[in-house]
C-alpha cells in the first residue's frame, strides 16, 4: 500500500490502521517533515514531494493500492499557485504513478465543497456550476473532474468524502495545526473561540474516516463516492457543536452564533473562514446528508459525536494540549 499525505491527521491514521490490519505501508513524506512516529509504527518512509512525478512513481512501485491524501487545505493560503501545485499537480502525479506501476486501485479523499450542498448530500452527489470560488475549491474541482475522466477511460479510482475531521493522531503537532478541526476544538475549550458563523457542521471522527478509506480500497466500487461524514443525527450548527465540546471538556466557554450576513467583508477568518461564511449564506438542506449507501456497501457504523469527542479530549489531556 502506498500513501500520500501520510503526515496529515487522516493520512497518519490510515497508515496506523493499515499496519494494525497487517498491511505493508509505504508513505511519501516531504523532506524535513517529522515521520519518526510513522516509522515507529512500521511505515516505510520515502522522502520527496508529491509535485515530483518521478519521485511519486518510484515511491508507488509495486503498490497494489494507492491512497491519495496529500492536499493543501482551504485555510492554508488564499494564493492559487500553492493550491495548484498540491491539489492539481500532486493529484495528476499520483494518478499517473498509480497507473504506471499497475496499482489495482486508487482511493482519493475529496471535500464536501466540491458538491451541490443545496440538496441532501448522498453518494450520488453532483458538482454544481461554479459560484464564488477559492483557490482550494478551483483546484480540487479540476482534479476531481479529471479523476472522473480517468475512471471513464478505465482507471480504478474511487472517492471518500469526510467532513470536519477530528481525533487523535500518531503525529501530535501536525494534528494540531491551526487550520485543523482539532485546533478549533482546542481553542474553543480554551475560551479562544467566542463566536462562529451559524452553518451546519458534519463531524467526522478520524478513526471512522480511515476505516472508510481502507474499506473503499478493499471492497468499494470503481468510480464510487463514499461519505465518511459521521452520523446524520449528529449534524448541528458549528456554535452548537463547539459549545458541546466545551461542555464535555468541563470548560465554561460557550460559542456565540453569528449570522453569515452579519460578517463584514474581510472578517470571515474571525468566525470560521470564508468557505464557511459562503456556505452559511447558501444555507443547508435537511437532512444535510444521507450515507446509507456507504454504511451498507462498506458495512460500517459511525462513532457517536459525544464518544468521539470524549476520546479526543482524553488524547488532548494525555499530550498536554489542554
C-alpha atoms as a PDB file:
ATOM      1  CA  UNK A   1       0.000   0.000   0.000  1.00  0.00           C
ATOM      2  CA  UNK A   2       1.274   3.476  -0.903  1.00  0.00           C
ATOM      3  CA  UNK A   3       0.017   6.588   0.919  1.00  0.00           C
ATOM      4  CA  UNK A   4       0.494  10.264   0.106  1.00  0.00           C
ATOM      5  CA  UNK A   5      -0.235  12.905   2.729  1.00  0.00           C
ATOM      6  CA  UNK A   6       0.759  10.434   5.429  1.00  0.00           C
ATOM      7  CA  UNK A   7       1.729  13.066   7.998  1.00  0.00           C
ATOM      8  CA  UNK A   8      -1.726  14.655   7.965  1.00  0.00           C
ATOM      9  CA  UNK A   9      -4.389  13.732  10.503  1.00  0.00           C
ATOM     10  CA  UNK A  10      -6.241  11.298   8.251  1.00  0.00           C
ATOM     11  CA  UNK A  11      -3.164  10.028   6.422  1.00  0.00           C
ATOM     12  CA  UNK A  12      -1.336   9.157   9.643  1.00  0.00           C
ATOM     13  CA  UNK A  13      -4.347   7.241  10.930  1.00  0.00           C
ATOM     14  CA  UNK A  14      -4.762   5.432   7.609  1.00  0.00           C
ATOM     15  CA  UNK A  15      -1.151   4.280   7.990  1.00  0.00           C
ATOM     16  CA  UNK A  16      -1.688   3.272  11.616  1.00  0.00           C
ATOM     17  CA  UNK A  17      -4.875   1.347  10.916  1.00  0.00           C
ATOM     18  CA  UNK A  18      -3.447  -0.319   7.805  1.00  0.00           C
ATOM     19  CA  UNK A  19      -0.416  -1.516   9.800  1.00  0.00           C
ATOM     20  CA  UNK A  20      -2.723  -2.809  12.550  1.00  0.00           C
ATOM     21  CA  UNK A  21      -4.634  -4.759   9.898  1.00  0.00           C
ATOM     22  CA  UNK A  22      -1.443  -6.435   8.696  1.00  0.00           C
ATOM     23  CA  UNK A  23      -0.638  -4.377   5.600  1.00  0.00           C
ATOM     24  CA  UNK A  24       2.762  -3.272   4.360  1.00  0.00           C
ATOM     25  CA  UNK A  25       2.670   0.520   4.065  1.00  0.00           C
ATOM     26  CA  UNK A  26       4.969   2.878   2.181  1.00  0.00           C
ATOM     27  CA  UNK A  27       4.443   6.617   2.593  1.00  0.00           C
ATOM     28  CA  UNK A  28       5.709   9.667   0.737  1.00  0.00           C
ATOM     29  CA  UNK A  29       6.840  12.336   3.194  1.00  0.00           C
ATOM     30  CA  UNK A  30       8.314  15.713   2.353  1.00  0.00           C
ATOM     31  CA  UNK A  31      11.938  16.334   3.323  1.00  0.00           C
ATOM     32  CA  UNK A  32      12.122  17.900   6.765  1.00  0.00           C
ATOM     33  CA  UNK A  33       8.737  16.616   7.933  1.00  0.00           C
ATOM     34  CA  UNK A  34       8.725  14.583  11.128  1.00  0.00           C
ATOM     35  CA  UNK A  35       7.979  10.989  10.213  1.00  0.00           C
ATOM     36  CA  UNK A  36       9.510   9.221  13.205  1.00  0.00           C
ATOM     37  CA  UNK A  37       6.127   8.250  14.745  1.00  0.00           C
ATOM     38  CA  UNK A  38       5.163   6.641  11.425  1.00  0.00           C
ATOM     39  CA  UNK A  39       8.462   4.789  11.242  1.00  0.00           C
ATOM     40  CA  UNK A  40       7.887   3.505  14.788  1.00  0.00           C
ATOM     41  CA  UNK A  41       4.553   2.096  13.586  1.00  0.00           C
ATOM     42  CA  UNK A  42       6.368   0.215  10.836  1.00  0.00           C
ATOM     43  CA  UNK A  43       5.705   2.526   7.875  1.00  0.00           C
ATOM     44  CA  UNK A  44       8.380   2.567   5.160  1.00  0.00           C
ATOM     45  CA  UNK A  45       9.159   6.267   4.592  1.00  0.00           C
ATOM     46  CA  UNK A  46      10.179   7.672   1.206  1.00  0.00           C
ATOM     47  CA  UNK A  47      11.292  11.296   1.186  1.00  0.00           C
ATOM     48  CA  UNK A  48      10.037  13.515  -1.603  1.00  0.00           C
ATOM     49  CA  UNK A  49       7.286  15.828  -2.787  1.00  0.00           C
ATOM     50  CA  UNK A  50       4.037  14.859  -4.458  1.00  0.00           C
ATOM     51  CA  UNK A  51       4.686  17.502  -7.117  1.00  0.00           C
ATOM     52  CA  UNK A  52       7.671  15.462  -8.417  1.00  0.00           C
ATOM     53  CA  UNK A  53       6.297  12.715 -10.666  1.00  0.00           C
ATOM     54  CA  UNK A  54       9.455  10.592 -10.790  1.00  0.00           C
ATOM     55  CA  UNK A  55       9.631  10.535  -7.002  1.00  0.00           C
ATOM     56  CA  UNK A  56       5.938   9.599  -6.716  1.00  0.00           C
ATOM     57  CA  UNK A  57       6.234   6.837  -9.298  1.00  0.00           C
ATOM     58  CA  UNK A  58       9.285   5.324  -7.610  1.00  0.00           C
ATOM     59  CA  UNK A  59       7.607   5.512  -4.198  1.00  0.00           C
ATOM     60  CA  UNK A  60       4.473   3.815  -5.561  1.00  0.00           C
ATOM     61  CA  UNK A  61       6.429   0.953  -7.133  1.00  0.00           C
ATOM     62  CA  UNK A  62       4.800  -2.469  -6.583  1.00  0.00           C
ATOM     63  CA  UNK A  63       1.866  -0.944  -4.654  1.00  0.00           C
ATOM     64  CA  UNK A  64      -1.440  -2.729  -5.153  1.00  0.00           C
ATOM     65  CA  UNK A  65      -3.418   0.073  -3.504  1.00  0.00           C
ATOM     66  CA  UNK A  66      -2.682   3.811  -3.653  1.00  0.00           C
ATOM     67  CA  UNK A  67      -4.301   6.113  -1.099  1.00  0.00           C
ATOM     68  CA  UNK A  68      -4.043   9.764  -2.038  1.00  0.00           C
ATOM     69  CA  UNK A  69      -4.365  12.105   0.926  1.00  0.00           C
ATOM     70  CA  UNK A  70      -1.873  14.845   0.045  1.00  0.00           C
ATOM     71  CA  UNK A  71      -3.540  18.246  -0.346  1.00  0.00           C
ATOM     72  CA  UNK A  72      -3.248  21.867   0.622  1.00  0.00           C
ATOM     73  CA  UNK A  73      -6.217  22.659   2.858  1.00  0.00           C
ATOM     74  CA  UNK A  74      -8.609  25.512   2.261  1.00  0.00           C
ATOM     75  CA  UNK A  75      -7.406  27.691   5.128  1.00  0.00           C
ATOM     76  CA  UNK A  76      -3.691  27.379   4.391  1.00  0.00           C
ATOM     77  CA  UNK A  77      -3.404  30.296   1.946  1.00  0.00           C
ATOM     78  CA  UNK A  78      -5.674  32.199  -0.483  1.00  0.00           C
ATOM     79  CA  UNK A  79      -2.993  32.112  -3.199  1.00  0.00           C
ATOM     80  CA  UNK A  80      -3.739  29.988  -6.260  1.00  0.00           C
ATOM     81  CA  UNK A  81      -0.252  28.664  -7.098  1.00  0.00           C
ATOM     82  CA  UNK A  82       0.351  26.607  -3.911  1.00  0.00           C
ATOM     83  CA  UNK A  83      -3.109  25.014  -4.263  1.00  0.00           C
ATOM     84  CA  UNK A  84      -2.484  24.361  -7.960  1.00  0.00           C
ATOM     85  CA  UNK A  85       0.786  22.580  -7.209  1.00  0.00           C
ATOM     86  CA  UNK A  86      -0.502  20.483  -4.299  1.00  0.00           C
ATOM     87  CA  UNK A  87      -4.078  19.777  -5.348  1.00  0.00           C
ATOM     88  CA  UNK A  88      -3.806  19.621  -9.144  1.00  0.00           C
ATOM     89  CA  UNK A  89      -0.203  18.684  -9.974  1.00  0.00           C
ATOM     90  CA  UNK A  90       0.065  16.403  -6.948  1.00  0.00           C
ATOM     91  CA  UNK A  91      -3.134  14.578  -7.867  1.00  0.00           C
ATOM     92  CA  UNK A  92      -2.104  14.210 -11.513  1.00  0.00           C
ATOM     93  CA  UNK A  93       1.230  12.752 -10.453  1.00  0.00           C
ATOM     94  CA  UNK A  94      -0.394  10.312  -8.045  1.00  0.00           C
ATOM     95  CA  UNK A  95      -2.989   9.092 -10.558  1.00  0.00           C
ATOM     96  CA  UNK A  96      -0.331   8.785 -13.281  1.00  0.00           C
ATOM     97  CA  UNK A  97       2.005   6.927 -10.933  1.00  0.00           C
ATOM     98  CA  UNK A  98      -0.733   4.518  -9.861  1.00  0.00           C
ATOM     99  CA  UNK A  99      -1.422   3.708 -13.496  1.00  0.00           C
ATOM    100  CA  UNK A 100       2.286   3.430 -14.331  1.00  0.00           C
ATOM    101  CA  UNK A 101       3.016   0.910 -11.571  1.00  0.00           C
ATOM    102  CA  UNK A 102      -0.129  -1.118 -12.223  1.00  0.00           C
ATOM    103  CA  UNK A 103      -1.874  -0.402  -8.919  1.00  0.00           C
ATOM    104  CA  UNK A 104      -5.209  -2.139  -8.633  1.00  0.00           C
ATOM    105  CA  UNK A 105      -6.999   0.918  -7.236  1.00  0.00           C
ATOM    106  CA  UNK A 106      -6.536   4.484  -6.041  1.00  0.00           C
ATOM    107  CA  UNK A 107      -8.657   5.913  -3.224  1.00  0.00           C
ATOM    108  CA  UNK A 108      -8.721   9.702  -3.101  1.00  0.00           C
ATOM    109  CA  UNK A 109     -10.016  11.926  -0.301  1.00  0.00           C
ATOM    110  CA  UNK A 110     -12.251  14.738  -1.584  1.00  0.00           C
ATOM    111  CA  UNK A 111     -14.125  17.576   0.099  1.00  0.00           C
ATOM    112  CA  UNK A 112     -17.825  18.391   0.520  1.00  0.00           C
ATOM    113  CA  UNK A 113     -17.149  21.807  -1.057  1.00  0.00           C
ATOM    114  CA  UNK A 114     -16.941  20.029  -4.426  1.00  0.00           C
ATOM    115  CA  UNK A 115     -20.598  19.109  -4.387  1.00  0.00           C
ATOM    116  CA  UNK A 116     -24.006  20.707  -4.583  1.00  0.00           C
ATOM    117  CA  UNK A 117     -24.802  21.357  -0.934  1.00  0.00           C
ATOM    118  CA  UNK A 118     -28.165  22.947  -1.654  1.00  0.00           C
ATOM    119  CA  UNK A 119     -29.630  19.429  -1.627  1.00  0.00           C
ATOM    120  CA  UNK A 120     -29.039  16.484   0.701  1.00  0.00           C
ATOM    121  CA  UNK A 121     -25.542  15.132   0.082  1.00  0.00           C
ATOM    122  CA  UNK A 122     -25.520  11.472  -0.959  1.00  0.00           C
ATOM    123  CA  UNK A 123     -23.177   9.105  -2.728  1.00  0.00           C
ATOM    124  CA  UNK A 124     -24.764  10.304  -5.999  1.00  0.00           C
ATOM    125  CA  UNK A 125     -23.732  13.931  -5.355  1.00  0.00           C
ATOM    126  CA  UNK A 126     -23.277  16.216  -8.347  1.00  0.00           C
ATOM    127  CA  UNK A 127     -20.866  19.069  -8.920  1.00  0.00           C
ATOM    128  CA  UNK A 128     -22.715  22.403  -9.135  1.00  0.00           C
ATOM    129  CA  UNK A 129     -21.975  25.162 -11.600  1.00  0.00           C
ATOM    130  CA  UNK A 130     -19.082  27.310 -10.334  1.00  0.00           C
ATOM    131  CA  UNK A 131     -20.140  30.066  -7.975  1.00  0.00           C
ATOM    132  CA  UNK A 132     -17.978  32.000  -5.546  1.00  0.00           C
ATOM    133  CA  UNK A 133     -14.652  30.184  -5.801  1.00  0.00           C
ATOM    134  CA  UNK A 134     -11.491  29.847  -3.735  1.00  0.00           C
ATOM    135  CA  UNK A 135      -8.093  28.567  -4.791  1.00  0.00           C
ATOM    136  CA  UNK A 136      -8.857  25.365  -2.894  1.00  0.00           C
ATOM    137  CA  UNK A 137     -12.239  24.694  -4.500  1.00  0.00           C
ATOM    138  CA  UNK A 138     -10.991  25.532  -8.008  1.00  0.00           C
ATOM    139  CA  UNK A 139      -8.036  23.164  -7.872  1.00  0.00           C
ATOM    140  CA  UNK A 140      -9.869  20.334  -6.117  1.00  0.00           C
ATOM    141  CA  UNK A 141     -12.692  20.541  -8.683  1.00  0.00           C
ATOM    142  CA  UNK A 142     -10.218  20.423 -11.557  1.00  0.00           C
ATOM    143  CA  UNK A 143      -8.601  17.307 -10.117  1.00  0.00           C
ATOM    144  CA  UNK A 144     -11.949  15.638  -9.365  1.00  0.00           C
ATOM    145  CA  UNK A 145     -13.261  16.154 -12.890  1.00  0.00           C
ATOM    146  CA  UNK A 146     -10.017  14.745 -14.257  1.00  0.00           C
ATOM    147  CA  UNK A 147     -10.293  11.725 -11.961  1.00  0.00           C
ATOM    148  CA  UNK A 148     -13.801  11.050 -13.249  1.00  0.00           C
ATOM    149  CA  UNK A 149     -12.458  11.245 -16.812  1.00  0.00           C
ATOM    150  CA  UNK A 150      -9.797   8.706 -15.881  1.00  0.00           C
ATOM    151  CA  UNK A 151     -12.459   6.383 -14.448  1.00  0.00           C
ATOM    152  CA  UNK A 152     -14.341   6.608 -17.756  1.00  0.00           C
ATOM    153  CA  UNK A 153     -11.111   5.619 -19.508  1.00  0.00           C
ATOM    154  CA  UNK A 154     -10.734   2.527 -17.309  1.00  0.00           C
ATOM    155  CA  UNK A 155      -8.591   3.566 -14.339  1.00  0.00           C
ATOM    156  CA  UNK A 156      -9.841   2.255 -10.996  1.00  0.00           C
ATOM    157  CA  UNK A 157     -10.303   5.281  -8.725  1.00  0.00           C
ATOM    158  CA  UNK A 158     -12.898   5.823  -6.035  1.00  0.00           C
ATOM    159  CA  UNK A 159     -13.528   8.665  -3.642  1.00  0.00           C
ATOM    160  CA  UNK A 160     -14.064   9.230   0.075  1.00  0.00           C
ATOM    161  CA  UNK A 161     -15.579  12.461   1.361  1.00  0.00           C
ATOM    162  CA  UNK A 162     -15.007  13.283   5.065  1.00  0.00           C
ATOM    163  CA  UNK A 163     -16.390  16.281   6.919  1.00  0.00           C
ATOM    164  CA  UNK A 164     -14.799  18.253   9.746  1.00  0.00           C
ATOM    165  CA  UNK A 165     -12.304  15.589  10.790  1.00  0.00           C
ATOM    166  CA  UNK A 166     -11.035  15.447  14.341  1.00  0.00           C
ATOM    167  CA  UNK A 167      -9.390  12.983  16.712  1.00  0.00           C
ATOM    168  CA  UNK A 168      -6.066  11.558  17.921  1.00  0.00           C
ATOM    169  CA  UNK A 169      -3.043  11.066  15.706  1.00  0.00           C
ATOM    170  CA  UNK A 170       0.422   9.500  15.922  1.00  0.00           C
ATOM    171  CA  UNK A 171       1.744  12.909  14.776  1.00  0.00           C
ATOM    172  CA  UNK A 172       0.584  15.248  17.523  1.00  0.00           C
ATOM    173  CA  UNK A 173       1.933  18.553  16.226  1.00  0.00           C
ATOM    174  CA  UNK A 174       0.603  18.074  12.700  1.00  0.00           C
ATOM    175  CA  UNK A 175      -2.780  17.028  14.043  1.00  0.00           C
ATOM    176  CA  UNK A 176      -2.989  20.324  15.926  1.00  0.00           C
ATOM    177  CA  UNK A 177      -2.124  22.683  13.034  1.00  0.00           C
ATOM    178  CA  UNK A 178      -4.137  25.907  13.266  1.00  0.00           C
ATOM    179  CA  UNK A 179      -6.174  25.088  10.155  1.00  0.00           C
ATOM    180  CA  UNK A 180      -7.167  21.680  11.589  1.00  0.00           C
ATOM    181  CA  UNK A 181     -10.515  20.866  13.149  1.00  0.00           C
ATOM    182  CA  UNK A 182      -8.658  19.664  16.246  1.00  0.00           C
ATOM    183  CA  UNK A 183      -7.310  23.181  16.645  1.00  0.00           C
ATOM    184  CA  UNK A 184     -10.850  24.591  16.513  1.00  0.00           C
ATOM    185  CA  UNK A 185     -11.847  22.223  19.311  1.00  0.00           C
ATOM    186  CA  UNK A 186      -8.834  23.100  21.446  1.00  0.00           C
ATOM    187  CA  UNK A 187      -9.296  26.833  21.011  1.00  0.00           C
ATOM    188  CA  UNK A 188     -12.993  26.573  21.874  1.00  0.00           C
ATOM    189  CA  UNK A 189     -12.209  24.627  25.048  1.00  0.00           C
ATOM    190  CA  UNK A 190      -9.580  27.235  25.977  1.00  0.00           C
ATOM    191  CA  UNK A 191     -12.083  30.051  25.510  1.00  0.00           C
ATOM    192  CA  UNK A 192     -10.242  31.450  22.488  1.00  0.00           C
ATOM    193  CA  UNK A 193     -13.248  30.953  20.202  1.00  0.00           C
ATOM    194  CA  UNK A 194     -16.100  33.210  21.270  1.00  0.00           C
ATOM    195  CA  UNK A 195     -18.228  33.228  18.127  1.00  0.00           C
ATOM    196  CA  UNK A 196     -18.648  31.207  14.948  1.00  0.00           C
ATOM    197  CA  UNK A 197     -20.758  31.522  11.842  1.00  0.00           C
ATOM    198  CA  UNK A 198     -24.038  29.607  12.012  1.00  0.00           C
ATOM    199  CA  UNK A 199     -23.713  26.808   9.491  1.00  0.00           C
ATOM    200  CA  UNK A 200     -24.345  23.125   9.926  1.00  0.00           C
ATOM    201  CA  UNK A 201     -21.240  21.039  10.552  1.00  0.00           C
ATOM    202  CA  UNK A 202     -20.666  17.365   9.862  1.00  0.00           C
ATOM    203  CA  UNK A 203     -18.302  15.879  12.429  1.00  0.00           C
ATOM    204  CA  UNK A 204     -16.049  13.062  11.221  1.00  0.00           C
ATOM    205  CA  UNK A 205     -14.111  11.056  13.804  1.00  0.00           C
ATOM    206  CA  UNK A 206     -10.738  10.248  12.251  1.00  0.00           C
ATOM    207  CA  UNK A 207     -10.833   6.512  13.011  1.00  0.00           C
ATOM    208  CA  UNK A 208     -14.086   6.278  11.029  1.00  0.00           C
ATOM    209  CA  UNK A 209     -12.623   8.209   8.099  1.00  0.00           C
ATOM    210  CA  UNK A 210      -9.534   5.990   7.989  1.00  0.00           C
ATOM    211  CA  UNK A 211     -11.694   2.858   8.122  1.00  0.00           C
ATOM    212  CA  UNK A 212     -13.926   4.066   5.274  1.00  0.00           C
ATOM    213  CA  UNK A 213     -10.844   4.777   3.155  1.00  0.00           C
ATOM    214  CA  UNK A 214      -9.387   1.319   3.714  1.00  0.00           C
ATOM    215  CA  UNK A 215     -12.728  -0.381   3.077  1.00  0.00           C
ATOM    216  CA  UNK A 216     -13.218   1.688  -0.076  1.00  0.00           C
ATOM    217  CA  UNK A 217      -9.855   0.329  -1.160  1.00  0.00           C
ATOM    218  CA  UNK A 218     -10.676  -3.298  -0.436  1.00  0.00           C
ATOM    219  CA  UNK A 219     -14.384  -3.610  -1.172  1.00  0.00           C
ATOM    220  CA  UNK A 220     -15.605  -0.367  -2.745  1.00  0.00           C
ATOM    221  CA  UNK A 221     -16.659   0.102  -6.351  1.00  0.00           C
ATOM    222  CA  UNK A 222     -14.783   1.801  -9.179  1.00  0.00           C
ATOM    223  CA  UNK A 223     -15.800   5.439  -9.568  1.00  0.00           C
ATOM    224  CA  UNK A 224     -17.949   5.338  -6.455  1.00  0.00           C
ATOM    225  CA  UNK A 225     -18.185   8.126  -3.894  1.00  0.00           C
ATOM    226  CA  UNK A 226     -18.354   7.169  -0.209  1.00  0.00           C
ATOM    227  CA  UNK A 227     -19.332   9.514   2.600  1.00  0.00           C
ATOM    228  CA  UNK A 228     -17.237   9.488   5.793  1.00  0.00           C
ATOM    229  CA  UNK A 229     -19.293  12.264   7.374  1.00  0.00           C
ATOM    230  CA  UNK A 230     -20.227  10.699  10.675  1.00  0.00           C
ATOM    231  CA  UNK A 231     -23.816  10.162  11.800  1.00  0.00           C
ATOM    232  CA  UNK A 232     -26.673  12.116  10.271  1.00  0.00           C
ATOM    233  CA  UNK A 233     -28.197  12.714  13.698  1.00  0.00           C
ATOM    234  CA  UNK A 234     -25.007  14.420  14.922  1.00  0.00           C
ATOM    235  CA  UNK A 235     -25.191  17.279  12.412  1.00  0.00           C
ATOM    236  CA  UNK A 236     -25.547  20.614  14.195  1.00  0.00           C
ATOM    237  CA  UNK A 237     -24.536  24.262  13.685  1.00  0.00           C
ATOM    238  CA  UNK A 238     -20.864  24.889  14.419  1.00  0.00           C
ATOM    239  CA  UNK A 239     -21.541  27.042  17.509  1.00  0.00           C
ATOM    240  CA  UNK A 240     -23.746  24.317  18.992  1.00  0.00           C
ATOM    241  CA  UNK A 241     -21.178  21.590  18.354  1.00  0.00           C
ATOM    242  CA  UNK A 242     -18.281  23.628  19.681  1.00  0.00           C
ATOM    243  CA  UNK A 243     -20.264  24.541  22.781  1.00  0.00           C
ATOM    244  CA  UNK A 244     -20.984  20.850  23.358  1.00  0.00           C
ATOM    245  CA  UNK A 245     -17.256  20.136  23.053  1.00  0.00           C
ATOM    246  CA  UNK A 246     -16.619  22.729  25.762  1.00  0.00           C
ATOM    247  CA  UNK A 247     -19.269  21.160  27.976  1.00  0.00           C
ATOM    248  CA  UNK A 248     -17.794  17.663  27.588  1.00  0.00           C
ATOM    249  CA  UNK A 249     -14.338  19.036  28.417  1.00  0.00           C
ATOM    250  CA  UNK A 250     -15.574  20.824  31.528  1.00  0.00           C
ATOM    251  CA  UNK A 251     -14.943  24.267  30.021  1.00  0.00           C
ATOM    252  CA  UNK A 252     -17.297  27.130  30.866  1.00  0.00           C
ATOM    253  CA  UNK A 253     -16.875  28.678  27.417  1.00  0.00           C
ATOM    254  CA  UNK A 254     -19.864  28.689  25.078  1.00  0.00           C
ATOM    255  CA  UNK A 255     -19.650  29.784  21.441  1.00  0.00           C
ATOM    256  CA  UNK A 256     -21.942  32.527  20.186  1.00  0.00           C
ATOM    257  CA  UNK A 257     -23.745  32.024  16.877  1.00  0.00           C
ATOM    258  CA  UNK A 258     -23.217  34.672  14.186  1.00  0.00           C
ATOM    259  CA  UNK A 259     -25.366  35.108  11.079  1.00  0.00           C
ATOM    260  CA  UNK A 260     -23.240  34.933   7.914  1.00  0.00           C
ATOM    261  CA  UNK A 261     -24.976  38.083   6.693  1.00  0.00           C
ATOM    262  CA  UNK A 262     -23.624  39.992   9.696  1.00  0.00           C
ATOM    263  CA  UNK A 263     -19.963  39.169   8.953  1.00  0.00           C
ATOM    264  CA  UNK A 264     -18.095  42.163   7.487  1.00  0.00           C
ATOM    265  CA  UNK A 265     -16.049  41.523   4.350  1.00  0.00           C
ATOM    266  CA  UNK A 266     -12.500  40.674   5.343  1.00  0.00           C
ATOM    267  CA  UNK A 267     -13.522  39.442   8.796  1.00  0.00           C
ATOM    268  CA  UNK A 268     -14.525  35.922   7.798  1.00  0.00           C
ATOM    269  CA  UNK A 269     -11.473  34.345   9.452  1.00  0.00           C
ATOM    270  CA  UNK A 270     -12.739  35.515  12.850  1.00  0.00           C
ATOM    271  CA  UNK A 271     -15.845  33.315  12.628  1.00  0.00           C
ATOM    272  CA  UNK A 272     -14.606  30.202  10.811  1.00  0.00           C
ATOM    273  CA  UNK A 273     -13.250  31.348   7.447  1.00  0.00           C
ATOM    274  CA  UNK A 274     -14.513  32.463   4.070  1.00  0.00           C
ATOM    275  CA  UNK A 275     -15.567  28.977   2.917  1.00  0.00           C
ATOM    276  CA  UNK A 276     -17.801  28.565   5.964  1.00  0.00           C
ATOM    277  CA  UNK A 277     -19.291  32.029   5.633  1.00  0.00           C
ATOM    278  CA  UNK A 278     -20.048  31.425   1.965  1.00  0.00           C
ATOM    279  CA  UNK A 279     -21.552  28.041   2.773  1.00  0.00           C
ATOM    280  CA  UNK A 280     -23.661  29.500   5.565  1.00  0.00           C
ATOM    281  CA  UNK A 281     -25.056  32.115   3.190  1.00  0.00           C
ATOM    282  CA  UNK A 282     -26.172  29.353   0.843  1.00  0.00           C
ATOM    283  CA  UNK A 283     -27.844  27.521   3.717  1.00  0.00           C
ATOM    284  CA  UNK A 284     -28.114  23.784   4.383  1.00  0.00           C
ATOM    285  CA  UNK A 285     -30.631  21.145   3.300  1.00  0.00           C
ATOM    286  CA  UNK A 286     -32.486  18.992   5.805  1.00  0.00           C
ATOM    287  CA  UNK A 287     -31.146  16.379   6.202  1.00  0.00           C
ATOM    288  CA  UNK A 288     -27.647  17.619   5.426  1.00  0.00           C
ATOM    289  CA  UNK A 289     -26.545  14.199   4.147  1.00  0.00           C
ATOM    290  CA  UNK A 290     -27.570  10.576   3.860  1.00  0.00           C
ATOM    291  CA  UNK A 291     -24.779   7.980   3.953  1.00  0.00           C
ATOM    292  CA  UNK A 292     -26.974   4.884   3.728  1.00  0.00           C
ATOM    293  CA  UNK A 293     -25.120   3.519   0.697  1.00  0.00           C
ATOM    294  CA  UNK A 294     -21.729   3.889   2.399  1.00  0.00           C
ATOM    295  CA  UNK A 295     -22.936   2.112   5.528  1.00  0.00           C
ATOM    296  CA  UNK A 296     -24.397  -0.736   3.501  1.00  0.00           C
ATOM    297  CA  UNK A 297     -21.664  -1.241   0.893  1.00  0.00           C
ATOM    298  CA  UNK A 298     -18.758  -0.840   3.324  1.00  0.00           C
ATOM    299  CA  UNK A 299     -20.543  -2.425   6.308  1.00  0.00           C
ATOM    300  CA  UNK A 300     -19.665   0.373   8.707  1.00  0.00           C
ATOM    301  CA  UNK A 301     -21.302   2.307  11.516  1.00  0.00           C
ATOM    302  CA  UNK A 302     -20.015   5.690  12.626  1.00  0.00           C
ATOM    303  CA  UNK A 303     -18.863   6.774  16.076  1.00  0.00           C
ATOM    304  CA  UNK A 304     -21.384   8.917  18.029  1.00  0.00           C
ATOM    305  CA  UNK A 305     -20.306  12.547  18.415  1.00  0.00           C
ATOM    306  CA  UNK A 306     -20.025  12.521  22.217  1.00  0.00           C
ATOM    307  CA  UNK A 307     -17.952   9.328  22.145  1.00  0.00           C
ATOM    308  CA  UNK A 308     -15.523  10.616  19.517  1.00  0.00           C
ATOM    309  CA  UNK A 309     -15.172  13.993  21.224  1.00  0.00           C
ATOM    310  CA  UNK A 310     -14.575  12.399  24.633  1.00  0.00           C
ATOM    311  CA  UNK A 311     -11.828  10.212  23.135  1.00  0.00           C
ATOM    312  CA  UNK A 312     -10.268  13.304  21.578  1.00  0.00           C
ATOM    313  CA  UNK A 313     -10.451  15.292  24.809  1.00  0.00           C
ATOM    314  CA  UNK A 314      -8.707  12.432  26.626  1.00  0.00           C
ATOM    315  CA  UNK A 315      -5.990  12.496  23.957  1.00  0.00           C
ATOM    316  CA  UNK A 316      -5.669  16.274  24.326  1.00  0.00           C
ATOM    317  CA  UNK A 317      -5.116  15.839  28.051  1.00  0.00           C
ATOM    318  CA  UNK A 318      -2.659  12.956  27.638  1.00  0.00           C
ATOM    319  CA  UNK A 319      -0.471  15.174  25.441  1.00  0.00           C
ATOM    320  CA  UNK A 320      -0.815  18.391  27.437  1.00  0.00           C
ATOM    321  CA  UNK A 321      -2.853  20.080  24.713  1.00  0.00           C
ATOM    322  CA  UNK A 322      -5.489  21.211  27.227  1.00  0.00           C
END
